[in-house]
Amino acid sequence: MTNARKDDMAEDQAPRDEMDRVEATPEPAAAPDLGEFEALRAERDELRDRFMRALADAENSRKRAERDRREAEQYGGTRLARDLLPVYDNLSRALDVATDEQRAAASALFEGVELTLRELLNVMTKHGVRPISPQVGDAFDPQQHQAMFEAPVPGTKAGQIIQVMTEGFMIHDRLLRPAQVGVSSNTGA
């Protein structure tokens, strides 16, 4: 075929292809009813609102789960720590009541008790449990101390600690057990 013949054929087909495209285009449908359009818009808005609420619920659930995980990690050992406190108290009392003669006679035993008490305290500290050790003369703090009795003691002010019965303990930033103390009830020094 010659080039001129090919050009003529291409020209003949071009209008037919355009004609096919025009004929293949469907007739526009009748305009949708305005009420139906508004109903679709309202449904879309409702679905968008439900989607946004579901998204917010999912985010809140994720945050709550993360907070619960952190709290379980930090405070999960609270019951065990609380159960170990009497062991700490008993070991401390055993060392406090021992006389010098008893310590000299059984020095290895008392050294073992001191090491055990120190190790117990190290393990508790490792897990966020730390002692609250008020001293005689400190101010009473109801956030950390539990008043076991009040007594007027000369030379003290009202609200001063006059005796410490047991140490208190914190686990991270929470009170595990308040320190048990006696408090002065004097109104003046």
C-alpha atoms as a PDB file:
ATOM      1  CA  MET A   1       0.000   0.000   0.000  1.00  0.00           C
ATOM      2  CA  THR A   2       1.112   3.459  -0.731  1.00  0.00           C
ATOM      3  CA  ASN A   3       1.422   6.142   1.886  1.00  0.00           C
ATOM      4  CA  ALA A   4      -1.298   8.216   0.253  1.00  0.00           C
ATOM      5  CA  ARG A   5      -3.698   5.298   0.405  1.00  0.00           C
ATOM      6  CA  LYS A   6      -2.904   4.713   4.096  1.00  0.00           C
ATOM      7  CA  ASP A   7      -3.574   8.374   4.870  1.00  0.00           C
ATOM      8  CA  ASP A   8      -6.944   8.212   3.112  1.00  0.00           C
ATOM      9  CA  MET A   9      -7.950   5.166   5.123  1.00  0.00           C
ATOM     10  CA  ALA A  10      -6.874   6.758   8.386  1.00  0.00           C
ATOM     11  CA  GLU A  11      -8.975   9.836   7.555  1.00  0.00           C
ATOM     12  CA  ASP A  12     -11.970   7.676   6.765  1.00  0.00           C
ATOM     13  CA  GLN A  13     -11.690   5.807  10.082  1.00  0.00           C
ATOM     14  CA  ALA A  14     -11.102   8.837  12.277  1.00  0.00           C
ATOM     15  CA  PRO A  15     -14.578  10.326  11.851  1.00  0.00           C
ATOM     16  CA  ARG A  16     -16.156   6.907  12.326  1.00  0.00           C
ATOM     17  CA  ASP A  17     -14.258   6.383  15.635  1.00  0.00           C
ATOM     18  CA  GLU A  18     -15.425   9.773  16.864  1.00  0.00           C
ATOM     19  CA  MET A  19     -18.919   8.937  15.760  1.00  0.00           C
ATOM     20  CA  ASP A  20     -18.792   5.646  17.681  1.00  0.00           C
ATOM     21  CA  ARG A  21     -17.654   7.473  20.795  1.00  0.00           C
ATOM     22  CA  VAL A  22     -20.461   9.976  20.514  1.00  0.00           C
ATOM     23  CA  GLU A  23     -23.027   7.268  19.968  1.00  0.00           C
ATOM     24  CA  ALA A  24     -21.641   5.159  22.843  1.00  0.00           C
ATOM     25  CA  THR A  25     -22.073   7.995  25.343  1.00  0.00           C
ATOM     26  CA  PRO A  26     -25.279   7.302  27.255  1.00  0.00           C
ATOM     27  CA  GLU A  27     -28.012   9.839  27.463  1.00  0.00           C
ATOM     28  CA  PRO A  28     -27.914  11.809  30.750  1.00  0.00           C
ATOM     29  CA  ALA A  29     -30.369  10.420  33.263  1.00  0.00           C
ATOM     30  CA  ALA A  30     -33.118  12.539  34.592  1.00  0.00           C
ATOM     31  CA  ALA A  31     -31.976  14.884  37.381  1.00  0.00           C
ATOM     32  CA  PRO A  32     -32.226  13.169  40.794  1.00  0.00           C
ATOM     33  CA  ASP A  33     -34.978  14.219  43.073  1.00  0.00           C
ATOM     34  CA  LEU A  34     -33.825  16.940  45.518  1.00  0.00           C
ATOM     35  CA  GLY A  35     -35.363  15.068  48.456  1.00  0.00           C
ATOM     36  CA  GLU A  36     -33.383  11.955  47.596  1.00  0.00           C
ATOM     37  CA  PHE A  37     -30.203  14.048  47.365  1.00  0.00           C
ATOM     38  CA  GLU A  38     -30.805  15.562  50.814  1.00  0.00           C
ATOM     39  CA  ALA A  39     -31.504  12.101  52.249  1.00  0.00           C
ATOM     40  CA  LEU A  40     -28.189  10.840  50.858  1.00  0.00           C
ATOM     41  CA  ARG A  41     -26.377  13.865  52.276  1.00  0.00           C
ATOM     42  CA  ALA A  42     -27.951  13.279  55.713  1.00  0.00           C
ATOM     43  CA  GLU A  43     -26.979   9.589  55.582  1.00  0.00           C
ATOM     44  CA  ARG A  44     -23.417  10.552  54.625  1.00  0.00           C
ATOM     45  CA  ASP A  45     -23.227  13.013  57.535  1.00  0.00           C
ATOM     46  CA  GLU A  46     -24.582  10.391  59.937  1.00  0.00           C
ATOM     47  CA  LEU A  47     -22.053   7.794  58.730  1.00  0.00           C
ATOM     48  CA  ARG A  48     -19.223  10.323  59.023  1.00  0.00           C
ATOM     49  CA  ASP A  49     -20.316  11.135  62.584  1.00  0.00           C
ATOM     50  CA  ARG A  50     -20.489   7.440  63.507  1.00  0.00           C
ATOM     51  CA  PHE A  51     -17.058   6.868  61.955  1.00  0.00           C
ATOM     52  CA  MET A  52     -15.520   9.769  63.910  1.00  0.00           C
ATOM     53  CA  ARG A  53     -17.071   8.483  67.157  1.00  0.00           C
ATOM     54  CA  ALA A  54     -15.782   4.960  66.485  1.00  0.00           C
ATOM     55  CA  LEU A  55     -12.341   6.389  65.762  1.00  0.00           C
ATOM     56  CA  ALA A  56     -12.403   8.373  69.026  1.00  0.00           C
ATOM     57  CA  ASP A  57     -13.562   5.272  70.946  1.00  0.00           C
ATOM     58  CA  ALA A  58     -10.709   3.241  69.461  1.00  0.00           C
ATOM     59  CA  GLU A  59      -8.182   5.926  70.448  1.00  0.00           C
ATOM     60  CA  ASN A  60      -9.611   6.130  73.979  1.00  0.00           C
ATOM     61  CA  SER A  61      -9.450   2.335  74.287  1.00  0.00           C
ATOM     62  CA  ARG A  62      -5.831   2.364  73.147  1.00  0.00           C
ATOM     63  CA  LYS A  63      -4.926   5.049  75.714  1.00  0.00           C
ATOM     64  CA  ARG A  64      -6.821   3.227  78.473  1.00  0.00           C
ATOM     65  CA  ALA A  65      -5.065  -0.059  77.648  1.00  0.00           C
ATOM     66  CA  GLU A  66      -1.670   1.682  77.698  1.00  0.00           C
ATOM     67  CA  ARG A  67      -2.438   3.307  81.069  1.00  0.00           C
ATOM     68  CA  ASP A  68      -3.665  -0.041  82.481  1.00  0.00           C
ATOM     69  CA  ARG A  69      -0.499  -1.751  81.231  1.00  0.00           C
ATOM     70  CA  ARG A  70       1.728   0.884  82.873  1.00  0.00           C
ATOM     71  CA  GLU A  71      -0.191   0.634  86.157  1.00  0.00           C
ATOM     72  CA  ALA A  72      -0.037  -3.164  86.121  1.00  0.00           C
ATOM     73  CA  GLU A  73       3.704  -2.962  85.527  1.00  0.00           C
ATOM     74  CA  GLN A  74       4.260  -0.445  88.336  1.00  0.00           C
ATOM     75  CA  TYR A  75       1.702  -1.580  90.888  1.00  0.00           C
ATOM     76  CA  GLY A  76       1.202  -5.256  90.040  1.00  0.00           C
ATOM     77  CA  GLY A  77       3.406  -6.346  92.934  1.00  0.00           C
ATOM     78  CA  THR A  78       1.514  -4.314  95.529  1.00  0.00           C
ATOM     79  CA  ARG A  79      -0.086  -7.318  97.221  1.00  0.00           C
ATOM     80  CA  LEU A  80       3.195  -9.207  97.415  1.00  0.00           C
ATOM     81  CA  ALA A  81       5.007  -6.138  98.757  1.00  0.00           C
ATOM     82  CA  ARG A  82       2.277  -5.589 101.359  1.00  0.00           C
ATOM     83  CA  ASP A  83       2.595  -9.237 102.425  1.00  0.00           C
ATOM     84  CA  LEU A  84       6.392  -8.866 102.825  1.00  0.00           C
ATOM     85  CA  LEU A  85       6.152  -5.837 105.118  1.00  0.00           C
ATOM     86  CA  PRO A  86       5.548  -7.915 108.293  1.00  0.00           C
ATOM     87  CA  VAL A  87       8.714  -9.888 107.477  1.00  0.00           C
ATOM     88  CA  TYR A  88      10.642  -6.604 107.294  1.00  0.00           C
ATOM     89  CA  ASP A  89       9.039  -5.434 110.556  1.00  0.00           C
ATOM     90  CA  ASN A  90       9.889  -8.678 112.402  1.00  0.00           C
ATOM     91  CA  LEU A  91      13.503  -8.688 111.245  1.00  0.00           C
ATOM     92  CA  SER A  92      13.843  -5.021 112.293  1.00  0.00           C
ATOM     93  CA  ARG A  93      12.288  -5.721 115.708  1.00  0.00           C
ATOM     94  CA  ALA A  94      14.597  -8.694 116.250  1.00  0.00           C
ATOM     95  CA  LEU A  95      17.618  -6.484 115.687  1.00  0.00           C
ATOM     96  CA  ASP A  96      16.216  -3.622 117.795  1.00  0.00           C
ATOM     97  CA  VAL A  97      15.566  -5.716 120.931  1.00  0.00           C
ATOM     98  CA  ALA A  98      18.879  -7.564 120.927  1.00  0.00           C
ATOM     99  CA  THR A  99      21.220  -6.571 123.753  1.00  0.00           C
ATOM    100  CA  ASP A 100      24.958  -6.132 123.346  1.00  0.00           C
ATOM    101  CA  GLU A 101      25.565  -9.398 125.232  1.00  0.00           C
ATOM    102  CA  GLN A 102      23.222 -11.288 122.879  1.00  0.00           C
ATOM    103  CA  ARG A 103      24.932  -9.730 119.846  1.00  0.00           C
ATOM    104  CA  ALA A 104      28.359 -10.724 121.178  1.00  0.00           C
ATOM    105  CA  ALA A 105      27.268 -14.291 121.939  1.00  0.00           C
ATOM    106  CA  ALA A 106      25.638 -14.855 118.523  1.00  0.00           C
ATOM    107  CA  SER A 107      27.392 -12.356 116.274  1.00  0.00           C
ATOM    108  CA  ALA A 108      27.148 -14.560 113.163  1.00  0.00           C
ATOM    109  CA  LEU A 109      23.408 -14.977 113.661  1.00  0.00           C
ATOM    110  CA  PHE A 110      22.836 -11.233 114.019  1.00  0.00           C
ATOM    111  CA  GLU A 111      25.061 -10.523 111.040  1.00  0.00           C
ATOM    112  CA  GLY A 112      22.950 -12.947 108.981  1.00  0.00           C
ATOM    113  CA  VAL A 113      19.719 -11.249 110.108  1.00  0.00           C
ATOM    114  CA  GLU A 114      21.158  -7.822 109.220  1.00  0.00           C
ATOM    115  CA  LEU A 115      22.229  -9.080 105.775  1.00  0.00           C
ATOM    116  CA  THR A 116      18.799 -10.636 105.208  1.00  0.00           C
ATOM    117  CA  LEU A 117      17.068  -7.399 106.204  1.00  0.00           C
ATOM    118  CA  ARG A 118      19.371  -5.364 103.955  1.00  0.00           C
ATOM    119  CA  GLU A 119      18.780  -7.715 101.004  1.00  0.00           C
ATOM    120  CA  LEU A 120      15.009  -7.606 101.538  1.00  0.00           C
ATOM    121  CA  LEU A 121      15.142  -3.802 101.505  1.00  0.00           C
ATOM    122  CA  ASN A 122      17.324  -3.823  98.342  1.00  0.00           C
ATOM    123  CA  VAL A 123      14.881  -6.101  96.518  1.00  0.00           C
ATOM    124  CA  MET A 124      11.897  -3.991  97.564  1.00  0.00           C
ATOM    125  CA  THR A 125      13.707  -0.802  96.470  1.00  0.00           C
ATOM    126  CA  LYS A 126      14.512  -2.416  93.113  1.00  0.00           C
ATOM    127  CA  HIS A 127      10.763  -2.840  92.575  1.00  0.00           C
ATOM    128  CA  GLY A 128       9.841   0.710  93.595  1.00  0.00           C
ATOM    129  CA  VAL A 129       9.050   0.055  97.272  1.00  0.00           C
ATOM    130  CA  ARG A 130      10.795   2.524  99.566  1.00  0.00           C
ATOM    131  CA  PRO A 131      10.475   3.118 103.298  1.00  0.00           C
ATOM    132  CA  ILE A 132       8.965   6.169 104.967  1.00  0.00           C
ATOM    133  CA  SER A 133      11.105   6.677 108.067  1.00  0.00           C
ATOM    134  CA  PRO A 134       9.787   9.536 110.200  1.00  0.00           C
ATOM    135  CA  GLN A 135      11.889  10.687 113.131  1.00  0.00           C
ATOM    136  CA  VAL A 136      10.816  11.832 116.598  1.00  0.00           C
ATOM    137  CA  GLY A 137      10.212  15.574 116.349  1.00  0.00           C
ATOM    138  CA  ASP A 138       9.083  15.553 112.701  1.00  0.00           C
ATOM    139  CA  ALA A 139       5.731  17.082 111.847  1.00  0.00           C
ATOM    140  CA  PHE A 140       2.809  14.667 111.500  1.00  0.00           C
ATOM    141  CA  ASP A 141       1.792  14.237 107.822  1.00  0.00           C
ATOM    142  CA  PRO A 142      -1.614  12.580 107.411  1.00  0.00           C
ATOM    143  CA  GLN A 143      -0.671  11.658 103.822  1.00  0.00           C
ATOM    144  CA  GLN A 144       2.144   9.391 105.041  1.00  0.00           C
ATOM    145  CA  HIS A 145       1.565   8.796 108.761  1.00  0.00           C
ATOM    146  CA  GLN A 146      -1.130   7.105 110.809  1.00  0.00           C
ATOM    147  CA  ALA A 147      -1.558   8.459 114.341  1.00  0.00           C
ATOM    148  CA  MET A 148      -1.874   5.524 116.712  1.00  0.00           C
ATOM    149  CA  PHE A 149      -2.259   7.713 119.816  1.00  0.00           C
ATOM    150  CA  GLU A 150      -2.007  11.304 121.029  1.00  0.00           C
ATOM    151  CA  ALA A 151      -0.319  12.303 124.277  1.00  0.00           C
ATOM    152  CA  PRO A 152       0.756  15.561 125.850  1.00  0.00           C
ATOM    153  CA  VAL A 153       4.554  15.513 126.066  1.00  0.00           C
ATOM    154  CA  PRO A 154       6.360  18.462 127.661  1.00  0.00           C
ATOM    155  CA  GLY A 155       8.687  20.323 125.321  1.00  0.00           C
ATOM    156  CA  THR A 156       6.822  19.360 122.128  1.00  0.00           C
ATOM    157  CA  LYS A 157       4.348  21.128 119.888  1.00  0.00           C
ATOM    158  CA  ALA A 158       0.981  19.759 118.858  1.00  0.00           C
ATOM    159  CA  GLY A 159       1.329  17.612 115.762  1.00  0.00           C
ATOM    160  CA  GLN A 160       4.933  16.559 116.369  1.00  0.00           C
ATOM    161  CA  ILE A 161       5.810  12.889 116.209  1.00  0.00           C
ATOM    162  CA  ILE A 162       6.753  11.620 119.664  1.00  0.00           C
ATOM    163  CA  GLN A 163       7.151   7.914 118.878  1.00  0.00           C
ATOM    164  CA  VAL A 164       7.554   5.750 115.751  1.00  0.00           C
ATOM    165  CA  MET A 165       6.045   2.277 116.037  1.00  0.00           C
ATOM    166  CA  THR A 166       6.512   1.037 112.450  1.00  0.00           C
ATOM    167  CA  GLU A 167       7.950   2.496 109.271  1.00  0.00           C
ATOM    168  CA  GLY A 168       5.669   3.228 106.381  1.00  0.00           C
ATOM    169  CA  PHE A 169       6.251   2.332 102.756  1.00  0.00           C
ATOM    170  CA  MET A 170       5.549   3.852  99.341  1.00  0.00           C
ATOM    171  CA  ILE A 171       5.339   1.930  96.078  1.00  0.00           C
ATOM    172  CA  HIS A 172       6.393   4.366  93.382  1.00  0.00           C
ATOM    173  CA  ASP A 173       4.147   7.357  94.091  1.00  0.00           C
ATOM    174  CA  ARG A 174       1.429   5.534  96.041  1.00  0.00           C
ATOM    175  CA  LEU A 175       1.206   4.874  99.748  1.00  0.00           C
ATOM    176  CA  LEU A 176       1.607   1.172 100.467  1.00  0.00           C
ATOM    177  CA  ARG A 177       1.410   1.469 104.249  1.00  0.00           C
ATOM    178  CA  PRO A 178       1.461   4.590 106.442  1.00  0.00           C
ATOM    179  CA  ALA A 179       4.076   4.910 109.151  1.00  0.00           C
ATOM    180  CA  GLN A 180       2.453   4.266 112.522  1.00  0.00           C
ATOM    181  CA  VAL A 181       3.337   7.044 114.953  1.00  0.00           C
ATOM    182  CA  GLY A 182       2.402   8.640 118.243  1.00  0.00           C
ATOM    183  CA  VAL A 183       1.635  12.364 118.090  1.00  0.00           C
ATOM    184  CA  SER A 184       1.923  15.134 120.667  1.00  0.00           C
ATOM    185  CA  SER A 185      -1.305  16.811 121.674  1.00  0.00           C
ATOM    186  CA  ASN A 186       0.349  19.814 123.413  1.00  0.00           C
ATOM    187  CA  THR A 187      -1.108  23.151 122.456  1.00  0.00           C
ATOM    188  CA  GLY A 188       2.098  25.033 123.259  1.00  0.00           C
ATOM    189  CA  ALA A 189       5.793  24.420 123.652  1.00  0.00           C
END
